[in-house]
PDB file of N, CA and C in Angstrom:
ATOM      1  N   MET A   1      85.341 104.047 132.828  1.00  0.00           N
ATOM      2  CA  MET A   1      86.185 104.614 132.386  1.00  0.00           C
ATOM      3  C   MET A   1      85.888 105.746 131.965  1.00  0.00           C
ATOM      4  N   ASN A   2      86.567 107.198 132.488  1.00  0.00           N
ATOM      5  CA  ASN A   2      86.867 108.518 132.052  1.00  0.00           C
ATOM      6  C   ASN A   2      85.886 108.653 130.543  1.00  0.00           C
ATOM      7  N   GLU A   3      85.284 109.976 130.580  1.00  0.00           N
ATOM      8  CA  GLU A   3      84.968 109.950 129.441  1.00  0.00           C
ATOM      9  C   GLU A   3      85.713 110.756 128.215  1.00  0.00           C
ATOM     10  N   LEU A   4      86.804 111.159 128.891  1.00  0.00           N
ATOM     11  CA  LEU A   4      87.785 111.832 127.946  1.00  0.00           C
ATOM     12  C   LEU A   4      88.316 110.274 127.175  1.00  0.00           C
ATOM     13  N   VAL A   5      88.805 109.655 128.397  1.00  0.00           N
ATOM     14  CA  VAL A   5      89.470 108.506 127.530  1.00  0.00           C
ATOM     15  C   VAL A   5      88.579 107.533 126.247  1.00  0.00           C
ATOM     16  N   VAL A   6      87.260 107.347 126.842  1.00  0.00           N
ATOM     17  CA  VAL A   6      86.347 106.951 125.877  1.00  0.00           C
ATOM     18  C   VAL A   6      86.035 107.957 124.446  1.00  0.00           C
ATOM     19  N   GLU A   7      86.429 109.048 124.634  1.00  0.00           N
ATOM     20  CA  GLU A   7      86.251 110.048 123.153  1.00  0.00           C
ATOM     21  C   GLU A   7      87.429 109.549 122.375  1.00  0.00           C
ATOM     22  N   THR A   8      88.587 109.543 123.060  1.00  0.00           N
ATOM     23  CA  THR A   8      90.033 109.530 122.887  1.00  0.00           C
ATOM     24  C   THR A   8      90.034 108.123 121.961  1.00  0.00           C
ATOM     25  N   MET A   9      89.629 107.128 122.485  1.00  0.00           N
ATOM     26  CA  MET A   9      89.380 106.039 121.618  1.00  0.00           C
ATOM     27  C   MET A   9      88.688 105.503 121.040  1.00  0.00           C
ATOM     28  N   ASP A  10      87.387 106.339 120.799  1.00  0.00           N
ATOM     29  CA  ASP A  10      86.747 106.382 119.724  1.00  0.00           C
ATOM     30  C   ASP A  10      87.157 106.866 118.983  1.00  0.00           C
ATOM     31  N   SER A  11      88.339 107.586 118.998  1.00  0.00           N
ATOM     32  CA  SER A  11      88.657 109.118 117.690  1.00  0.00           C
ATOM     33  C   SER A  11      89.452 107.887 117.087  1.00  0.00           C
ATOM     34  N   TYR A  12      90.742 107.338 117.882  1.00  0.00           N
ATOM     35  CA  TYR A  12      91.716 106.286 117.394  1.00  0.00           C
ATOM     36  C   TYR A  12      91.144 105.200 116.741  1.00  0.00           C
ATOM     37  N   ASN A  13      89.817 104.492 116.915  1.00  0.00           N
ATOM     38  CA  ASN A  13      89.065 103.590 116.575  1.00  0.00           C
ATOM     39  C   ASN A  13      88.898 104.155 115.225  1.00  0.00           C
ATOM     40  N   GLN A  14      87.764 105.459 114.976  1.00  0.00           N
ATOM     41  CA  GLN A  14      87.767 105.839 113.825  1.00  0.00           C
ATOM     42  C   GLN A  14      88.828 106.120 112.919  1.00  0.00           C
ATOM     43  N   TYR A  15      89.917 106.338 113.406  1.00  0.00           N
ATOM     44  CA  TYR A  15      90.937 107.171 112.182  1.00  0.00           C
ATOM     45  C   TYR A  15      91.494 105.756 111.776  1.00  0.00           C
ATOM     46  N   ILE A  16      91.640 104.520 112.139  1.00  0.00           N
ATOM     47  CA  ILE A  16      91.967 103.401 112.475  1.00  0.00           C
ATOM     48  C   ILE A  16      91.810 102.822 111.091  1.00  0.00           C
ATOM     49  N   LYS A  17      90.198 103.059 111.004  1.00  0.00           N
ATOM     50  CA  LYS A  17      88.853 102.816 110.186  1.00  0.00           C
ATOM     51  C   LYS A  17      89.280 103.219 108.810  1.00  0.00           C
ATOM     52  N   ASN A  18      89.417 104.805 108.862  1.00  0.00           N
ATOM     53  CA  ASN A  18      89.571 105.513 108.017  1.00  0.00           C
ATOM     54  C   ASN A  18      90.837 105.790 107.166  1.00  0.00           C
ATOM     55  N   ILE A  19      92.169 105.338 107.904  1.00  0.00           N
ATOM     56  CA  ILE A  19      93.359 105.158 107.143  1.00  0.00           C
ATOM     57  C   ILE A  19      93.392 104.242 106.442  1.00  0.00           C
ATOM     58  N   VAL A  20      92.648 103.010 106.261  1.00  0.00           N
ATOM     59  CA  VAL A  20      92.513 102.394 105.218  1.00  0.00           C
ATOM     60  C   VAL A  20      92.138 102.989 103.815  1.00  0.00           C
ATOM     61  N   ASN A  21      91.169 103.733 104.168  1.00  0.00           N
ATOM     62  CA  ASN A  21      90.934 104.163 102.670  1.00  0.00           C
ATOM     63  C   ASN A  21      91.685 105.625 102.397  1.00  0.00           C
ATOM     64  N   GLY A  22      92.107 105.959 103.653  1.00  0.00           N
ATOM     65  CA  GLY A  22      93.353 106.715 103.300  1.00  0.00           C
ATOM     66  C   GLY A  22      94.615 106.470 102.173  1.00  0.00           C
ATOM     67  N   CYS A  23      95.092 104.963 102.471  1.00  0.00           N
ATOM     68  CA  CYS A  23      96.107 104.176 101.645  1.00  0.00           C
ATOM     69  C   CYS A  23      95.444 104.116 100.214  1.00  0.00           C
ATOM     70  N   GLU A  24      94.359 103.602 100.315  1.00  0.00           N
ATOM     71  CA  GLU A  24      93.686 103.206  98.844  1.00  0.00           C
ATOM     72  C   GLU A  24      93.640 104.951  98.183  1.00  0.00           C
ATOM     73  N   LEU A  25      93.718 105.643  98.667  1.00  0.00           N
ATOM     74  CA  LEU A  25      93.507 107.181  97.692  1.00  0.00           C
ATOM     75  C   LEU A  25      95.100 107.514  97.566  1.00  0.00           C
ATOM     76  N   ILE A  26      95.844 107.382  98.603  1.00  0.00           N
ATOM     77  CA  ILE A  26      97.474 107.624  98.098  1.00  0.00           C
ATOM     78  C   ILE A  26      98.052 107.037  97.056  1.00  0.00           C
ATOM     79  N   TYR A  27      97.804 104.990  96.988  1.00  0.00           N
ATOM     80  CA  TYR A  27      98.492 104.744  96.061  1.00  0.00           C
ATOM     81  C   TYR A  27      97.712 105.186  94.634  1.00  0.00           C
ATOM     82  N   THR A  28      96.602 104.504  94.788  1.00  0.00           N
ATOM     83  CA  THR A  28      95.589 105.059  93.160  1.00  0.00           C
ATOM     84  C   THR A  28      96.047 106.341  92.800  1.00  0.00           C
ATOM     85  N   ASN A  29      96.647 107.813  93.711  1.00  0.00           N
ATOM     86  CA  ASN A  29      96.764 108.754  93.221  1.00  0.00           C
ATOM     87  C   ASN A  29      98.259 108.985  92.620  1.00  0.00           C
ATOM     88  N   LEU A  30      99.316 108.102  93.241  1.00  0.00           N
ATOM     89  CA  LEU A  30     100.409 107.667  92.961  1.00  0.00           C
ATOM     90  C   LEU A  30     100.594 107.052  91.585  1.00  0.00           C
ATOM     91  N   ARG A  31      99.538 106.517  91.281  1.00  0.00           N
ATOM     92  CA  ARG A  31      99.543 105.695  90.284  1.00  0.00           C
ATOM     93  C   ARG A  31      99.129 106.373  88.836  1.00  0.00           C
ATOM     94  N   ASN A  32      98.656 107.575  89.277  1.00  0.00           N
ATOM     95  CA  ASN A  32      97.470 108.628  88.677  1.00  0.00           C
ATOM     96  C   ASN A  32      98.614 109.721  88.041  1.00  0.00           C
ATOM     97  N   ASN A  33      99.655 109.815  88.915  1.00  0.00           N
ATOM     98  CA  ASN A  33     100.535 110.811  89.158  1.00  0.00           C
ATOM     99  C   ASN A  33      99.910 112.282  89.631  1.00  0.00           C
ATOM    100  N   ASP A  34      98.670 112.057  90.261  1.00  0.00           N
ATOM    101  CA  ASP A  34      98.083 113.580  90.672  1.00  0.00           C
ATOM    102  C   ASP A  34      98.965 113.969  91.609  1.00  0.00           C
ATOM    103  N   GLU A  35      99.092 115.125  91.401  1.00  0.00           N
ATOM    104  CA  GLU A  35     100.280 116.079  92.163  1.00  0.00           C
ATOM    105  C   GLU A  35      99.780 116.243  93.798  1.00  0.00           C
ATOM    106  N   HIS A  36      98.651 116.175  94.058  1.00  0.00           N
ATOM    107  CA  HIS A  36      98.180 116.679  95.272  1.00  0.00           C
ATOM    108  C   HIS A  36      98.397 115.310  96.157  1.00  0.00           C
ATOM    109  N   VAL A  37      99.075 114.101  95.465  1.00  0.00           N
ATOM    110  CA  VAL A  37      99.485 113.394  96.977  1.00  0.00           C
ATOM    111  C   VAL A  37     100.316 113.167  97.877  1.00  0.00           C
ATOM    112  N   LEU A  38     101.145 114.168  97.148  1.00  0.00           N
ATOM    113  CA  LEU A  38     102.388 114.452  98.487  1.00  0.00           C
ATOM    114  C   LEU A  38     101.521 115.204  99.717  1.00  0.00           C
ATOM    115  N   LYS A  39     100.616 116.004  99.372  1.00  0.00           N
ATOM    116  CA  LYS A  39     100.022 116.497 100.522  1.00  0.00           C
ATOM    117  C   LYS A  39      99.221 115.144 101.062  1.00  0.00           C
ATOM    118  N   ALA A  40      98.618 114.419 100.832  1.00  0.00           N
ATOM    119  CA  ALA A  40      97.901 113.284 101.493  1.00  0.00           C
ATOM    120  C   ALA A  40      98.929 112.330 102.014  1.00  0.00           C
ATOM    121  N   ILE A  41     100.015 112.182 101.724  1.00  0.00           N
ATOM    122  CA  ILE A  41     101.214 111.765 102.167  1.00  0.00           C
ATOM    123  C   ILE A  41     101.361 112.334 103.549  1.00  0.00           C
ATOM    124  N   LEU A  42     101.316 113.879 103.559  1.00  0.00           N
ATOM    125  CA  LEU A  42     102.196 114.001 104.657  1.00  0.00           C
ATOM    126  C   LEU A  42     101.063 114.364 105.649  1.00  0.00           C
ATOM    127  N   GLN A  43      99.837 114.242 105.253  1.00  0.00           N
ATOM    128  CA  GLN A  43      98.896 113.963 106.339  1.00  0.00           C
ATOM    129  C   GLN A  43      98.551 112.791 106.463  1.00  0.00           C
ATOM    130  N   PHE A  44      98.786 112.086 106.350  1.00  0.00           N
ATOM    131  CA  PHE A  44      98.658 110.450 106.583  1.00  0.00           C
ATOM    132  C   PHE A  44     100.018 110.208 107.791  1.00  0.00           C
ATOM    133  N   SER A  45     100.931 110.797 107.076  1.00  0.00           N
ATOM    134  CA  SER A  45     102.449 110.258 108.989  1.00  0.00           C
ATOM    135  C   SER A  45     102.251 111.639 109.505  1.00  0.00           C
ATOM    136  N   GLU A  46     101.252 112.726 109.569  1.00  0.00           N
ATOM    137  CA  GLU A  46     100.856 113.584 110.744  1.00  0.00           C
ATOM    138  C   GLU A  46      99.720 112.827 111.253  1.00  0.00           C
ATOM    139  N   GLY A  47      98.987 111.926 110.679  1.00  0.00           N
ATOM    140  CA  GLY A  47      97.824 111.347 111.331  1.00  0.00           C
ATOM    141  C   GLY A  47      98.556 109.789 112.259  1.00  0.00           C
ATOM    142  N   VAL A  48      99.662 109.346 111.263  1.00  0.00           N
ATOM    143  CA  VAL A  48     100.057 108.010 111.939  1.00  0.00           C
ATOM    144  C   VAL A  48     101.117 108.701 113.358  1.00  0.00           C
ATOM    145  N   SER A  49     101.093 109.661 113.532  1.00  0.00           N
ATOM    146  CA  SER A  49     102.341 110.011 114.450  1.00  0.00           C
ATOM    147  C   SER A  49     101.374 110.283 115.438  1.00  0.00           C
ATOM    148  N   TRP A  50     100.078 111.127 115.204  1.00  0.00           N
ATOM    149  CA  TRP A  50      99.166 110.919 116.355  1.00  0.00           C
ATOM    150  C   TRP A  50      98.300 109.940 116.970  1.00  0.00           C
ATOM    151  N   LEU A  51      98.291 108.612 116.043  1.00  0.00           N
ATOM    152  CA  LEU A  51      97.935 107.764 116.613  1.00  0.00           C
ATOM    153  C   LEU A  51      98.794 106.905 117.454  1.00  0.00           C
ATOM    154  N   ILE A  52     100.330 107.395 116.982  1.00  0.00           N
ATOM    155  CA  ILE A  52     101.261 106.280 118.126  1.00  0.00           C
ATOM    156  C   ILE A  52     100.901 107.179 119.134  1.00  0.00           C
ATOM    157  N   GLU A  53     101.085 108.416 118.955  1.00  0.00           N
ATOM    158  CA  GLU A  53     101.012 109.427 120.658  1.00  0.00           C
ATOM    159  C   GLU A  53      99.894 108.942 121.626  1.00  0.00           C
ATOM    160  N   VAL A  54      98.264 108.761 120.999  1.00  0.00           N
ATOM    161  CA  VAL A  54      97.455 108.815 121.646  1.00  0.00           C
ATOM    162  C   VAL A  54      97.892 107.075 121.987  1.00  0.00           C
ATOM    163  N   ASN A  55      98.493 105.982 121.582  1.00  0.00           N
ATOM    164  CA  ASN A  55      98.546 104.541 121.744  1.00  0.00           C
ATOM    165  C   ASN A  55      99.413 104.657 123.169  1.00  0.00           C
ATOM    166  N   GLN A  56     100.411 105.340 123.230  1.00  0.00           N
ATOM    167  CA  GLN A  56     101.648 105.549 124.070  1.00  0.00           C
ATOM    168  C   GLN A  56     101.029 106.286 125.151  1.00  0.00           C
ATOM    169  N   LYS A  57     100.406 107.122 125.249  1.00  0.00           N
ATOM    170  CA  LYS A  57      99.371 107.702 126.584  1.00  0.00           C
ATOM    171  C   LYS A  57      98.460 107.022 126.945  1.00  0.00           C
ATOM    172  N   LEU A  58      97.213 106.416 126.318  1.00  0.00           N
ATOM    173  CA  LEU A  58      96.328 105.455 126.639  1.00  0.00           C
ATOM    174  C   LEU A  58      97.174 104.283 127.687  1.00  0.00           C
ATOM    175  N   ALA A  59      98.135 103.843 127.084  1.00  0.00           N
ATOM    176  CA  ALA A  59      98.515 102.627 127.547  1.00  0.00           C
ATOM    177  C   ALA A  59      99.473 103.217 128.656  1.00  0.00           C
ATOM    178  N   GLY A  60      99.932 104.332 129.074  1.00  0.00           N
ATOM    179  CA  GLY A  60     100.748 104.576 130.094  1.00  0.00           C
ATOM    180  C   GLY A  60      99.326 104.528 131.519  1.00  0.00           C
ATOM    181  N   LEU A  61      98.055 105.656 130.806  1.00  0.00           N
ATOM    182  CA  LEU A  61      97.405 105.255 131.670  1.00  0.00           C
ATOM    183  C   LEU A  61      96.441 103.764 131.826  1.00  0.00           C
ATOM    184  N   GLY A  62      96.910 102.904 131.173  1.00  0.00           N
ATOM    185  CA  GLY A  62      96.451 101.187 131.434  1.00  0.00           C
ATOM    186  C   GLY A  62      95.888 100.820 130.951  1.00  0.00           C
ATOM    187  N   TYR A  63      95.497 101.252 129.730  1.00  0.00           N
ATOM    188  CA  TYR A  63      94.622 101.141 128.508  1.00  0.00           C
ATOM    189  C   TYR A  63      95.954 100.314 127.196  1.00  0.00           C
ATOM    190  N   PRO A  64      96.462  99.448 127.262  1.00  0.00           N
ATOM    191  CA  PRO A  64      97.268  98.946 126.599  1.00  0.00           C
ATOM    192  C   PRO A  64      96.226  98.117 125.212  1.00  0.00           C
ATOM    193  N   ASN A  65      97.410  98.391 124.060  1.00  0.00           N
ATOM    194  CA  ASN A  65      96.746  98.323 122.661  1.00  0.00           C
ATOM    195  C   ASN A  65      97.491  97.787 121.928  1.00  0.00           C
ATOM    196  N   GLU A  66      97.820  96.911 121.522  1.00  0.00           N
ATOM    197  CA  GLU A  66      99.117  96.848 120.551  1.00  0.00           C
ATOM    198  C   GLU A  66      99.240  97.268 119.300  1.00  0.00           C
ATOM    199  N   PHE A  67     100.339  97.884 119.170  1.00  0.00           N
ATOM    200  CA  PHE A  67     100.328  98.962 117.815  1.00  0.00           C
ATOM    201  C   PHE A  67     102.042  99.033 117.768  1.00  0.00           C
ATOM    202  N   SER A  68     102.472  98.034 116.364  1.00  0.00           N
ATOM    203  CA  SER A  68     103.828  98.177 116.613  1.00  0.00           C
ATOM    204  C   SER A  68     104.270  99.243 116.017  1.00  0.00           C
ATOM    205  N   ILE A  69     104.898 100.237 116.963  1.00  0.00           N
ATOM    206  CA  ILE A  69     105.475 101.316 116.388  1.00  0.00           C
ATOM    207  C   ILE A  69     107.034 101.009 115.372  1.00  0.00           C
ATOM    208  N   THR A  70     107.410  99.963 115.756  1.00  0.00           N
ATOM    209  CA  THR A  70     108.693  99.615 114.926  1.00  0.00           C
ATOM    210  C   THR A  70     108.491  99.338 113.389  1.00  0.00           C
ATOM    211  N   THR A  71     107.493  98.566 113.162  1.00  0.00           N
ATOM    212  CA  THR A  71     107.205  98.700 111.609  1.00  0.00           C
ATOM    213  C   THR A  71     105.848  99.903 111.423  1.00  0.00           C
ATOM    214  N   ILE A  72     105.649 101.178 112.121  1.00  0.00           N
ATOM    215  CA  ILE A  72     105.471 102.156 111.334  1.00  0.00           C
ATOM    216  C   ILE A  72     106.587 103.134 110.719  1.00  0.00           C
ATOM    217  N   GLU A  73     107.537 102.719 111.785  1.00  0.00           N
ATOM    218  CA  GLU A  73     108.738 103.449 111.442  1.00  0.00           C
ATOM    219  C   GLU A  73     109.424 102.876 110.414  1.00  0.00           C
ATOM    220  N   THR A  74     109.461 101.982 110.438  1.00  0.00           N
ATOM    221  CA  THR A  74     109.934 101.262 108.578  1.00  0.00           C
ATOM    222  C   THR A  74     109.598 101.432 107.633  1.00  0.00           C
ATOM    223  N   PHE A  75     108.188 101.576 107.866  1.00  0.00           N
ATOM    224  CA  PHE A  75     107.117 102.268 106.583  1.00  0.00           C
ATOM    225  C   PHE A  75     106.817 103.655 106.281  1.00  0.00           C
ATOM    226  N   PHE A  76     107.677 104.434 107.287  1.00  0.00           N
ATOM    227  CA  PHE A  76     107.967 105.955 107.242  1.00  0.00           C
ATOM    228  C   PHE A  76     109.917 105.789 106.425  1.00  0.00           C
ATOM    229  N   GLN A  77     110.522 105.295 106.917  1.00  0.00           N
ATOM    230  CA  GLN A  77     111.834 104.977 106.226  1.00  0.00           C
ATOM    231  C   GLN A  77     111.902 104.810 104.821  1.00  0.00           C
ATOM    232  N   GLU A  78     110.993 103.970 104.725  1.00  0.00           N
ATOM    233  CA  GLU A  78     110.724 103.029 103.325  1.00  0.00           C
ATOM    234  C   GLU A  78     110.152 104.083 102.285  1.00  0.00           C
ATOM    235  N   VAL A  79     108.768 104.579 102.740  1.00  0.00           N
ATOM    236  CA  VAL A  79     108.341 105.783 101.895  1.00  0.00           C
ATOM    237  C   VAL A  79     109.409 106.812 101.600  1.00  0.00           C
ATOM    238  N   ASN A  80     110.050 107.523 102.822  1.00  0.00           N
ATOM    239  CA  ASN A  80     110.853 108.694 102.447  1.00  0.00           C
ATOM    240  C   ASN A  80     111.800 107.882 100.998  1.00  0.00           C
ATOM    241  N   SER A  81     112.326 106.775 101.299  1.00  0.00           N
ATOM    242  CA  SER A  81     113.229 106.305 100.314  1.00  0.00           C
ATOM    243  C   SER A  81     113.064 106.321  99.464  1.00  0.00           C
ATOM    244  N   GLY A  82     111.695 105.869  99.218  1.00  0.00           N
ATOM    245  CA  GLY A  82     111.101 106.075  97.313  1.00  0.00           C
ATOM    246  C   GLY A  82     110.897 107.366  97.177  1.00  0.00           C
ATOM    247  N   LEU A  83     110.186 107.932  97.738  1.00  0.00           N
ATOM    248  CA  LEU A  83     110.034 109.422  97.737  1.00  0.00           C
ATOM    249  C   LEU A  83     111.166 110.433  97.128  1.00  0.00           C
ATOM    250  N   GLU A  84     112.455 109.833  97.804  1.00  0.00           N
ATOM    251  CA  GLU A  84     113.214 110.502  97.502  1.00  0.00           C
ATOM    252  C   GLU A  84     114.405 109.882  96.171  1.00  0.00           C
ATOM    253  N   ILE A  85     113.812 108.986  95.449  1.00  0.00           N
ATOM    254  CA  ILE A  85     114.268 108.827  94.444  1.00  0.00           C
ATOM    255  C   ILE A  85     113.188 109.015  93.356  1.00  0.00           C
ATOM    256  N   GLN A  86     111.521 109.298  93.979  1.00  0.00           N
ATOM    257  CA  GLN A  86     110.872 109.676  93.231  1.00  0.00           C
ATOM    258  C   GLN A  86     110.412 108.762  92.308  1.00  0.00           C
ATOM    259  N   ASP A  87     110.398 107.516  92.935  1.00  0.00           N
ATOM    260  CA  ASP A  87     109.787 106.186  92.684  1.00  0.00           C
ATOM    261  C   ASP A  87     108.684 105.766  93.224  1.00  0.00           C
ATOM    262  N   TYR A  88     107.622 106.550  92.501  1.00  0.00           N
ATOM    263  CA  TYR A  88     106.575 106.442  92.812  1.00  0.00           C
ATOM    264  C   TYR A  88     105.463 105.017  93.116  1.00  0.00           C
ATOM    265  N   LEU A  89     106.246 104.746  92.011  1.00  0.00           N
ATOM    266  CA  LEU A  89     105.291 103.272  92.109  1.00  0.00           C
ATOM    267  C   LEU A  89     105.851 102.073  93.491  1.00  0.00           C
ATOM    268  N   LEU A  90     106.941 102.486  93.644  1.00  0.00           N
ATOM    269  CA  LEU A  90     107.542 101.559  94.728  1.00  0.00           C
ATOM    270  C   LEU A  90     106.672 102.222  96.164  1.00  0.00           C
ATOM    271  N   VAL A  91     106.405 103.555  96.022  1.00  0.00           N
ATOM    272  CA  VAL A  91     105.448 104.146  97.358  1.00  0.00           C
ATOM    273  C   VAL A  91     104.102 103.716  97.137  1.00  0.00           C
ATOM    274  N   ALA A  92     103.595 103.547  95.569  1.00  0.00           N
ATOM    275  CA  ALA A  92     102.717 103.243  95.966  1.00  0.00           C
ATOM    276  C   ALA A  92     102.161 101.723  96.448  1.00  0.00           C
ATOM    277  N   ASP A  93     103.151 100.798  95.696  1.00  0.00           N
ATOM    278  CA  ASP A  93     103.031  99.522  96.516  1.00  0.00           C
ATOM    279  C   ASP A  93     103.246  98.869  97.818  1.00  0.00           C
ATOM    280  N   LEU A  94     104.129 100.019  98.275  1.00  0.00           N
ATOM    281  CA  LEU A  94     104.549 100.441  99.908  1.00  0.00           C
ATOM    282  C   LEU A  94     103.036 100.045 100.556  1.00  0.00           C
ATOM    283  N   PHE A  95     102.174 101.306 100.133  1.00  0.00           N
ATOM    284  CA  PHE A  95     100.858 101.464 100.550  1.00  0.00           C
ATOM    285  C   PHE A  95      99.935 100.672 100.611  1.00  0.00           C
ATOM    286  N   GLU A  96      99.954  99.747  98.853  1.00  0.00           N
ATOM    287  CA  GLU A  96      98.860  99.144  98.760  1.00  0.00           C
ATOM    288  C   GLU A  96      99.087  97.654  99.703  1.00  0.00           C
ATOM    289  N   TYR A  97     100.389  97.084  99.406  1.00  0.00           N
ATOM    290  CA  TYR A  97     100.904  96.010  99.953  1.00  0.00           C
ATOM    291  C   TYR A  97     101.203  95.523 101.075  1.00  0.00           C
ATOM    292  N   GLU A  98     101.768  96.585 102.037  1.00  0.00           N
ATOM    293  CA  GLU A  98     102.577  96.797 103.065  1.00  0.00           C
ATOM    294  C   GLU A  98     101.487  97.305 104.276  1.00  0.00           C
ATOM    295  N   ILE A  99     101.281  98.954 104.129  1.00  0.00           N
ATOM    296  CA  ILE A  99     100.923  99.469 105.242  1.00  0.00           C
ATOM    297  C   ILE A  99      99.389  99.651 105.165  1.00  0.00           C
ATOM    298  N   LYS A 100      98.471  99.582 104.074  1.00  0.00           N
ATOM    299  CA  LYS A 100      96.989  99.067 103.809  1.00  0.00           C
ATOM    300  C   LYS A 100      96.736  97.677 104.777  1.00  0.00           C
ATOM    301  N   PRO A 101      97.227  96.605 104.524  1.00  0.00           N
ATOM    302  CA  PRO A 101      97.134  95.360 105.732  1.00  0.00           C
ATOM    303  C   PRO A 101      97.191  95.787 106.685  1.00  0.00           C
ATOM    304  N   PHE A 102      98.622  96.367 107.169  1.00  0.00           N
ATOM    305  CA  PHE A 102      98.573  96.566 108.667  1.00  0.00           C
ATOM    306  C   PHE A 102      97.987  97.402 109.213  1.00  0.00           C
ATOM    307  N   PHE A 103      97.203  98.271 108.913  1.00  0.00           N
ATOM    308  CA  PHE A 103      96.480  99.255 109.671  1.00  0.00           C
ATOM    309  C   PHE A 103      94.704  98.477 109.392  1.00  0.00           C
ATOM    310  N   GLU A 104      94.631  97.438 108.177  1.00  0.00           N
ATOM    311  CA  GLU A 104      93.226  96.547 108.512  1.00  0.00           C
ATOM    312  C   GLU A 104      93.580  95.358 109.374  1.00  0.00           C
ATOM    313  N   THR A 105      94.875  95.055 109.715  1.00  0.00           N
ATOM    314  CA  THR A 105      94.587  94.174 111.334  1.00  0.00           C
ATOM    315  C   THR A 105      95.140  94.634 112.795  1.00  0.00           C
ATOM    316  N   VAL A 106      95.263  96.187 112.408  1.00  0.00           N
ATOM    317  CA  VAL A 106      95.726  96.859 113.935  1.00  0.00           C
ATOM    318  C   VAL A 106      94.347  96.866 114.729  1.00  0.00           C
ATOM    319  N   SER A 107      94.908  96.444 116.133  1.00  0.00           N
ATOM    320  CA  SER A 107      93.483  96.104 116.612  1.00  0.00           C
ATOM    321  C   SER A 107      93.087  97.526 117.392  1.00  0.00           C
ATOM    322  N   LEU A 108      91.938  97.113 117.457  1.00  0.00           N
ATOM    323  CA  LEU A 108      91.023  98.460 118.153  1.00  0.00           C
ATOM    324  C   LEU A 108      90.794  98.619 119.623  1.00  0.00           C
ATOM    325  N   TYR A 109      90.412  99.746 119.751  1.00  0.00           N
ATOM    326  CA  TYR A 109      90.170  99.825 121.553  1.00  0.00           C
ATOM    327  C   TYR A 109      88.727  99.212 121.466  1.00  0.00           C
ATOM    328  N   ASP A 110      87.925  98.838 122.997  1.00  0.00           N
ATOM    329  CA  ASP A 110      87.468  98.064 123.193  1.00  0.00           C
ATOM    330  C   ASP A 110      86.369  98.937 124.448  1.00  0.00           C
ATOM    331  N   VAL A 111      85.726 100.214 123.444  1.00  0.00           N
ATOM    332  CA  VAL A 111      84.496 101.039 124.569  1.00  0.00           C
ATOM    333  C   VAL A 111      83.218 100.735 124.899  1.00  0.00           C
ATOM    334  N   THR A 112      83.614  99.293 125.037  1.00  0.00           N
ATOM    335  CA  THR A 112      81.861  98.843 125.585  1.00  0.00           C
ATOM    336  C   THR A 112      81.601  99.099 127.419  1.00  0.00           C
ATOM    337  N   ASN A 113      82.821  99.207 127.682  1.00  0.00           N
ATOM    338  CA  ASN A 113      82.498  99.039 128.979  1.00  0.00           C
ATOM    339  C   ASN A 113      82.316 100.054 130.180  1.00  0.00           C
TER     340      ASN A 113
END
């Protein structure tokens, strides 16, 4: 396995692990009316977009790893809908009860080879 591929897989794996904490931060801050939470949600969506891109590129190189893009797109739509109507409790619930559990079960790349 090429060194760049291994480093990319390591970065992907680390981000998956960190995103769970990010979800906790987002839903806690939404419930506490923290004004900086919208920036955290933007960073979350940028990070998830990066995960999708990396996942697709690694699959194209012959390193498939299950990651439901359809599920992620549904989450984005639901979060955007909640933000549009300023229902921050709904968005907090999405992050706590749907998005966080999803990322807790995402498969990591095996980089031990």
